[in-house]
Amino acid sequence: MAWTDRLDGDPVPWLLEPEDPAVRAAALQRLLDRPADDPDVAAARRAAMATGPIAAILDAQQPDGWWVKPGPGYAPKYTGTVWSLIFLDQLGADPADERVQRACTYVLRTTPTAAGGLGCSGSHRQAPPPPSTVIHCLNGNLLRALIGFGHLDDERVQAAVSWAARAITGEGMARYYATGTSGPGFACGSNEGLPCAWGAIKELLALARIPDRRRSPEVRAAIAAGVQFLLSRDPAVADYPMGWGNTKPSGSWFKLGFPSGYVADVLQTLEVLGELGHGQDPRLGDAMALVLAQQGPDGRWRNRYAYHGRTWGDIERQGAPSKWVTLRACTVLRRAG
């Protein structure tokens, strides 16, 4: 069975429309296996850098590389510096663009902590954030963006990778903090000290971007622990540990959307497990069925978590048919097929 046989319609021509060049560039690579230097991909990426959400984000950047205010850039959500960089990565911005690299340089100057991880702070001060502010969701989101934009070899990125691996497994981790990462195995102060599946997904997305041949033993151990944790529950139910008296999973798990901040959905669980080579695990069958059930009769998915009114211009309309969510779903189906 071809992966397209599981769709109720063929959305690929829609995804390749030139009116949305960022989606077109990504679809050419993810669904048609076009290389990054393919003329059609290069043309779509050039158009994406000059129009739409990528251009809106870059137009709001300050000359020094930050957005809204200087400092580590966690606030305001979702237009501050770290969010702008994360969303540029998710939108497929060109790593060769000087403005993108300026943002990477600024983030690498303002977010590393003494512990090695990348810290979150809404302060306007440009002093390094304290180690207690490092949490898996932000560290993972930023690492994935920085690696994607070509900074894997930067010593500060390597330090954050090492922090992630040690924090996950507990091996060689000197100290945890109640207000941030409070223990091994994705324990998080924001989840009452319990393991946080959202944080696990974001951190594993970062580690998945490290080429296999370059993964250290500690990174491999962290990936194995993370995969085991995500597969310890049925992602279709998403009853991962819940703090603060919650007895039901967050409804956000089941609202497939784009872009993605610290919240994760079921589809992102499938994405990261697929990137790590577990897309065909039979334990993902119910989650895959849940995703397939949300497609429309034309094989398109809707954006049910669009960050409407909270980004530099709306990327997509809340509740409308979504090229980005459809591309995410098609990528997962193709990888698992």
Protein backbone atom coordinates (compact mmCIF):
# COMPACT_ATOMS: atom_id res chain seq x y z
CA MET A 1 0.00 0.00 0.00
CA ALA A 2 1.34 3.42 -0.93
CA TRP A 3 1.11 6.05 1.78
CA THR A 4 -1.24 8.09 -0.42
CA ASP A 5 -3.74 5.21 -0.39
CA ARG A 6 -4.52 6.13 3.21
CA LEU A 7 -5.72 9.61 2.20
CA ASP A 8 -9.28 10.52 1.30
CA GLY A 9 -7.97 12.82 -1.45
CA ASP A 10 -4.67 13.94 -2.98
CA PRO A 11 -3.43 17.13 -1.27
CA VAL A 12 0.01 17.13 -2.89
CA PRO A 13 -0.85 19.45 -5.82
CA TRP A 14 -2.36 21.85 -3.29
CA LEU A 15 0.82 21.76 -1.20
CA LEU A 16 2.91 22.52 -4.29
CA GLU A 17 1.03 25.67 -5.27
CA PRO A 18 3.44 28.60 -5.85
CA GLU A 19 1.20 30.94 -3.82
CA ASP A 20 2.69 29.44 -0.63
CA PRO A 21 6.38 29.08 -1.49
CA ALA A 22 7.53 28.04 2.00
CA VAL A 23 5.13 25.09 1.98
CA ARG A 24 6.05 24.32 -1.62
CA ALA A 25 9.78 24.19 -0.82
CA ALA A 26 9.20 21.89 2.15
CA ALA A 27 6.79 19.62 0.25
CA LEU A 28 9.19 19.22 -2.66
CA GLN A 29 11.83 17.95 -0.26
CA ARG A 30 9.74 15.92 2.18
CA LEU A 31 7.27 14.33 -0.22
CA LEU A 32 9.09 14.26 -3.58
CA ASP A 33 12.67 13.81 -2.33
CA ARG A 34 14.01 16.87 -4.11
CA PRO A 35 17.44 17.95 -2.77
CA ALA A 36 17.96 21.37 -1.23
CA ASP A 37 19.86 22.55 -4.32
CA ASP A 38 17.12 21.50 -6.72
CA PRO A 39 16.18 24.52 -8.90
CA ASP A 40 12.50 24.31 -7.95
CA VAL A 41 13.33 24.09 -4.26
CA ALA A 42 15.78 26.99 -4.49
CA ALA A 43 13.28 29.16 -6.34
CA ALA A 44 10.53 28.42 -3.83
CA ARG A 45 12.83 29.19 -0.93
CA ARG A 46 13.86 32.52 -2.45
CA ALA A 47 10.22 33.45 -2.87
CA ALA A 48 9.45 32.36 0.71
CA MET A 49 12.17 34.62 2.10
CA ALA A 50 10.63 37.64 0.37
CA THR A 51 6.95 37.05 1.14
CA GLY A 52 4.54 35.65 3.68
CA PRO A 53 5.27 34.76 7.31
CA ILE A 54 9.06 34.46 6.93
CA ALA A 55 9.30 37.99 5.53
CA ALA A 56 6.96 39.29 8.25
CA ILE A 57 9.18 37.88 10.99
CA LEU A 58 12.41 39.13 9.44
CA ASP A 59 10.94 42.59 8.81
CA ALA A 60 10.33 42.94 12.55
CA GLN A 61 13.93 42.07 13.50
CA GLN A 62 16.11 44.75 15.05
CA PRO A 63 19.59 45.46 13.60
CA ASP A 64 21.36 43.67 16.47
CA GLY A 65 19.44 40.47 15.81
CA TRP A 66 16.70 40.56 18.45
CA TRP A 67 12.94 41.06 18.35
CA VAL A 68 10.79 43.32 20.58
CA LYS A 69 13.43 43.85 23.27
CA PRO A 70 17.02 42.80 23.97
CA GLY A 71 17.81 39.95 26.34
CA PRO A 72 17.27 36.18 26.32
CA GLY A 73 14.06 36.75 24.39
CA TYR A 74 11.47 34.41 25.92
CA ALA A 75 8.96 37.26 26.23
CA PRO A 76 6.69 38.29 24.80
CA LYS A 77 5.15 35.08 23.58
CA TYR A 78 5.24 34.48 20.63
CA THR A 79 7.04 37.38 19.03
CA GLY A 80 10.16 37.55 21.24
CA THR A 81 13.58 36.60 19.97
CA VAL A 82 13.64 32.87 20.76
CA TRP A 83 10.15 32.32 19.36
CA SER A 84 10.96 34.21 16.18
CA LEU A 85 14.02 32.05 15.60
CA ILE A 86 12.10 28.84 16.37
CA PHE A 87 9.31 29.74 13.96
CA LEU A 88 11.77 30.75 11.23
CA ASP A 89 13.21 27.25 11.46
CA GLN A 90 9.80 25.59 11.31
CA LEU A 91 8.90 27.70 8.28
CA GLY A 92 12.05 26.62 6.46
CA ALA A 93 13.92 29.93 6.38
CA ASP A 94 17.18 29.92 4.43
CA PRO A 95 20.19 29.30 6.72
CA ALA A 96 22.34 31.33 4.34
CA ASP A 97 20.32 34.50 4.94
CA GLU A 98 22.34 37.09 6.88
CA ARG A 99 19.37 38.05 9.06
CA VAL A 100 18.82 34.46 10.13
CA GLN A 101 22.48 34.13 11.08
CA ARG A 102 22.35 37.43 12.94
CA ALA A 103 19.51 36.00 15.05
CA CYS A 104 21.47 32.81 15.72
CA THR A 105 24.49 34.84 16.82
CA TYR A 106 22.35 36.88 19.19
CA VAL A 107 20.62 33.84 20.71
CA LEU A 108 23.96 32.09 21.21
CA ARG A 109 25.21 35.15 23.04
CA THR A 110 22.23 35.61 25.36
CA THR A 111 20.66 32.22 26.19
CA PRO A 112 23.51 29.85 27.26
CA THR A 113 23.71 29.29 31.02
CA ALA A 114 26.57 28.27 33.27
CA ALA A 115 25.11 24.74 33.31
CA GLY A 116 25.37 24.45 29.53
CA GLY A 117 21.70 24.41 28.65
CA LEU A 118 19.89 27.29 26.94
CA GLY A 119 17.85 29.30 29.44
CA CYS A 120 14.49 30.99 29.17
CA SER A 121 13.98 34.48 30.48
CA GLY A 122 11.75 37.40 29.61
CA SER A 123 14.18 39.92 31.06
CA HIS A 124 15.50 42.78 28.94
CA ARG A 125 18.91 42.37 30.60
CA GLN A 126 21.55 40.80 28.37
CA ALA A 127 23.18 38.90 31.24
CA PRO A 128 23.17 35.08 30.97
CA PRO A 129 20.01 33.52 32.45
CA PRO A 130 20.49 31.32 35.53
CA PRO A 131 20.74 27.51 35.20
CA SER A 132 17.37 27.15 36.93
CA THR A 133 15.70 28.57 33.82
CA VAL A 134 16.73 25.70 31.51
CA ILE A 135 13.74 23.54 30.57
CA HIS A 136 13.57 20.78 28.00
CA CYS A 137 10.92 22.36 25.78
CA LEU A 138 12.83 25.58 25.12
CA ASN A 139 16.27 23.97 25.08
CA GLY A 140 15.00 21.46 22.53
CA ASN A 141 13.22 24.00 20.35
CA LEU A 142 16.23 26.29 20.25
CA LEU A 143 18.70 23.47 19.69
CA ARG A 144 16.69 22.13 16.77
CA ALA A 145 16.64 25.58 15.19
CA LEU A 146 20.33 26.26 15.78
CA ILE A 147 21.37 22.86 14.43
CA GLY A 148 19.12 23.35 11.42
CA PHE A 149 20.70 26.73 10.78
CA GLY A 150 24.17 25.20 10.72
CA HIS A 151 25.54 25.64 14.25
CA LEU A 152 26.00 22.06 15.42
CA ASP A 153 29.76 22.56 15.75
CA ASP A 154 29.46 25.68 17.89
CA GLU A 155 30.80 24.90 21.38
CA ARG A 156 27.73 26.49 22.99
CA VAL A 157 25.43 24.25 20.97
CA GLN A 158 27.54 21.24 21.91
CA ALA A 159 27.28 22.25 25.57
CA ALA A 160 23.49 22.46 25.30
CA VAL A 161 23.36 19.05 23.59
CA SER A 162 25.45 17.59 26.39
CA TRP A 163 23.22 19.25 29.00
CA ALA A 164 20.14 17.74 27.34
CA ALA A 165 21.60 14.23 27.28
CA ARG A 166 22.84 14.36 30.87
CA ALA A 167 19.61 15.90 32.14
CA ILE A 168 17.57 13.14 30.52
CA THR A 169 19.60 10.17 31.73
CA GLY A 170 20.93 11.69 34.96
CA GLU A 171 24.45 10.53 34.11
CA GLY A 172 26.97 13.20 35.08
CA MET A 173 24.31 15.78 35.93
CA ALA A 174 25.55 17.81 38.88
CA ARG A 175 22.34 19.55 39.88
CA TYR A 176 18.66 19.94 39.06
CA TYR A 177 16.44 22.90 39.95
CA ALA A 178 12.90 22.83 41.29
CA THR A 179 11.87 25.80 39.15
CA GLY A 180 13.17 24.33 35.89
CA THR A 181 14.36 20.83 35.06
CA SER A 182 13.81 19.18 38.42
CA GLY A 183 15.21 15.71 37.80
CA PRO A 184 16.16 13.09 35.21
CA GLY A 185 13.74 11.57 32.74
CA PHE A 186 12.22 14.92 31.65
CA ALA A 187 11.11 15.87 35.15
CA CYS A 188 9.94 19.50 35.01
CA GLY A 189 9.07 22.09 37.63
CA SER A 190 6.23 23.31 35.42
CA ASN A 191 4.69 19.81 35.67
CA GLU A 192 5.01 19.60 39.47
CA GLY A 193 8.31 17.76 39.12
CA LEU A 194 6.83 14.98 36.99
CA PRO A 195 8.20 13.94 33.58
CA CYS A 196 6.86 16.23 30.86
CA ALA A 197 6.03 14.63 27.51
CA TRP A 198 5.96 18.00 25.75
CA GLY A 199 9.52 18.62 26.92
CA ALA A 200 10.53 15.12 25.86
CA ILE A 201 9.20 15.65 22.34
CA LYS A 202 10.98 18.98 21.88
CA GLU A 203 14.29 17.70 23.23
CA LEU A 204 14.16 14.56 21.10
CA LEU A 205 13.39 16.67 18.02
CA ALA A 206 16.65 18.48 18.65
CA LEU A 207 18.69 15.31 19.20
CA ALA A 208 17.11 13.74 16.11
CA ARG A 209 18.66 16.48 13.99
CA ILE A 210 22.16 15.39 14.92
CA PRO A 211 23.40 13.09 12.13
CA ASP A 212 23.52 9.50 13.34
CA ARG A 213 27.26 9.21 12.78
CA ARG A 214 27.83 12.21 15.07
CA ARG A 215 25.74 11.10 18.03
CA SER A 216 27.83 10.52 21.12
CA PRO A 217 27.14 7.59 23.48
CA GLU A 218 25.43 9.97 25.91
CA VAL A 219 23.18 11.33 23.15
CA ARG A 220 22.30 7.79 22.04
CA ALA A 221 21.42 6.86 25.62
CA ALA A 222 19.25 9.96 25.96
CA ILE A 223 17.42 9.20 22.71
CA ALA A 224 16.78 5.62 23.82
CA ALA A 225 15.40 6.85 27.15
CA GLY A 226 13.20 9.41 25.43
CA VAL A 227 11.77 6.93 22.93
CA GLN A 228 11.05 4.51 25.75
CA PHE A 229 9.22 7.25 27.66
CA LEU A 230 7.08 8.36 24.71
CA LEU A 231 6.15 4.76 23.90
CA SER A 232 5.32 3.99 27.55
CA ARG A 233 1.85 5.46 26.90
CA ASP A 234 -0.48 5.28 23.93
CA PRO A 235 0.08 8.66 22.19
CA ALA A 236 -3.55 8.54 21.04
CA VAL A 237 -4.55 8.80 24.70
CA ALA A 238 -1.58 10.96 25.78
CA ASP A 239 -2.05 10.16 29.46
CA TYR A 240 1.55 11.04 30.27
CA PRO A 241 2.27 12.18 33.86
CA MET A 242 0.17 15.19 34.79
CA GLY A 243 0.91 17.51 37.69
CA TRP A 244 -1.13 20.01 39.66
CA GLY A 245 -4.12 17.73 40.16
CA ASN A 246 -4.88 17.22 36.47
CA THR A 247 -6.52 13.88 35.71
CA LYS A 248 -7.14 14.34 31.97
CA PRO A 249 -4.55 15.11 29.28
CA SER A 250 -4.47 18.63 27.92
CA GLY A 251 -6.89 19.08 25.04
CA SER A 252 -4.00 20.62 23.09
CA TRP A 253 -2.69 17.10 22.43
CA PHE A 254 -5.59 16.53 20.07
CA LYS A 255 -5.63 19.91 18.28
CA LEU A 256 -3.25 19.48 15.36
CA GLY A 257 -1.68 22.82 14.56
CA PHE A 258 1.18 24.93 13.26
CA PRO A 259 3.54 26.50 14.23
CA SER A 260 4.60 24.73 17.43
CA GLY A 261 5.79 26.46 20.61
CA TYR A 262 6.16 24.58 23.87
CA VAL A 263 2.84 22.78 23.33
CA ALA A 264 3.00 19.46 21.45
CA ASP A 265 0.26 17.49 19.74
CA VAL A 266 -0.19 13.81 18.90
CA LEU A 267 1.10 14.43 15.39
CA GLN A 268 4.38 15.80 16.75
CA THR A 269 4.82 12.62 18.79
CA LEU A 270 4.57 10.67 15.54
CA GLU A 271 6.93 13.11 13.83
CA VAL A 272 9.76 12.74 16.29
CA LEU A 273 9.41 8.97 16.64
CA GLY A 274 9.41 8.74 12.84
CA GLU A 275 12.54 10.87 12.56
CA LEU A 276 14.24 8.54 15.03
CA GLY A 277 13.30 5.42 13.05
CA HIS A 278 10.28 4.24 15.05
CA GLY A 279 7.53 5.37 12.69
CA GLN A 280 6.38 1.80 12.02
CA ASP A 281 6.14 0.76 15.68
CA PRO A 282 2.77 -1.03 16.09
CA ARG A 283 2.15 0.88 19.31
CA LEU A 284 1.57 3.98 17.18
CA GLY A 285 -1.39 2.48 15.33
CA ASP A 286 -4.08 4.24 17.37
CA ALA A 287 -2.28 7.58 17.12
CA MET A 288 -1.98 7.19 13.36
CA ALA A 289 -5.69 6.38 13.15
CA LEU A 290 -6.49 9.47 15.21
CA VAL A 291 -4.52 11.65 12.79
CA LEU A 292 -6.13 10.04 9.74
CA ALA A 293 -9.58 10.58 11.21
CA GLN A 294 -9.02 14.34 11.24
CA GLN A 295 -8.49 14.69 7.49
CA GLY A 296 -11.22 16.16 5.37
CA PRO A 297 -12.80 14.50 2.32
CA ASP A 298 -10.18 16.19 0.15
CA GLY A 299 -7.29 14.75 2.16
CA ARG A 300 -6.61 18.05 3.90
CA TRP A 301 -6.24 18.76 7.59
CA ARG A 302 -7.37 21.86 9.47
CA ASN A 303 -5.21 24.04 11.71
CA ARG A 304 -6.80 23.73 15.15
CA TYR A 305 -3.95 25.45 17.02
CA ALA A 306 -2.78 28.32 14.82
CA TYR A 307 -1.49 30.84 17.41
CA HIS A 308 -4.00 33.22 15.88
CA GLY A 309 -3.13 36.86 16.59
CA ARG A 310 -0.03 35.99 18.59
CA THR A 311 2.74 35.85 15.95
CA TRP A 312 4.24 38.34 13.48
CA GLY A 313 1.22 38.11 11.22
CA ASP A 314 -1.02 35.07 11.16
CA ILE A 315 0.65 32.14 9.42
CA GLU A 316 -2.69 30.41 8.86
CA ARG A 317 -6.29 30.95 9.90
CA GLN A 318 -7.56 29.17 12.99
CA GLY A 319 -9.76 26.23 12.01
CA ALA A 320 -9.18 26.60 8.27
CA PRO A 321 -7.72 23.93 5.97
CA SER A 322 -3.99 24.01 6.64
CA LYS A 323 -1.18 23.36 4.22
CA TRP A 324 1.32 23.12 7.07
CA VAL A 325 -0.67 20.61 9.15
CA THR A 326 -1.45 18.63 5.99
CA LEU A 327 2.26 18.58 5.12
CA ARG A 328 3.09 17.41 8.64
CA ALA A 329 0.54 14.59 8.41
CA CYS A 330 1.65 13.54 4.93
CA THR A 331 5.29 13.49 6.02
CA VAL A 332 4.44 11.17 8.93
CA LEU A 333 2.32 8.89 6.76
CA ARG A 334 4.99 8.67 4.08
CA ARG A 335 7.70 7.88 6.61
CA ALA A 336 5.57 5.18 8.23
CA GLY A 337 4.35 3.77 4.90
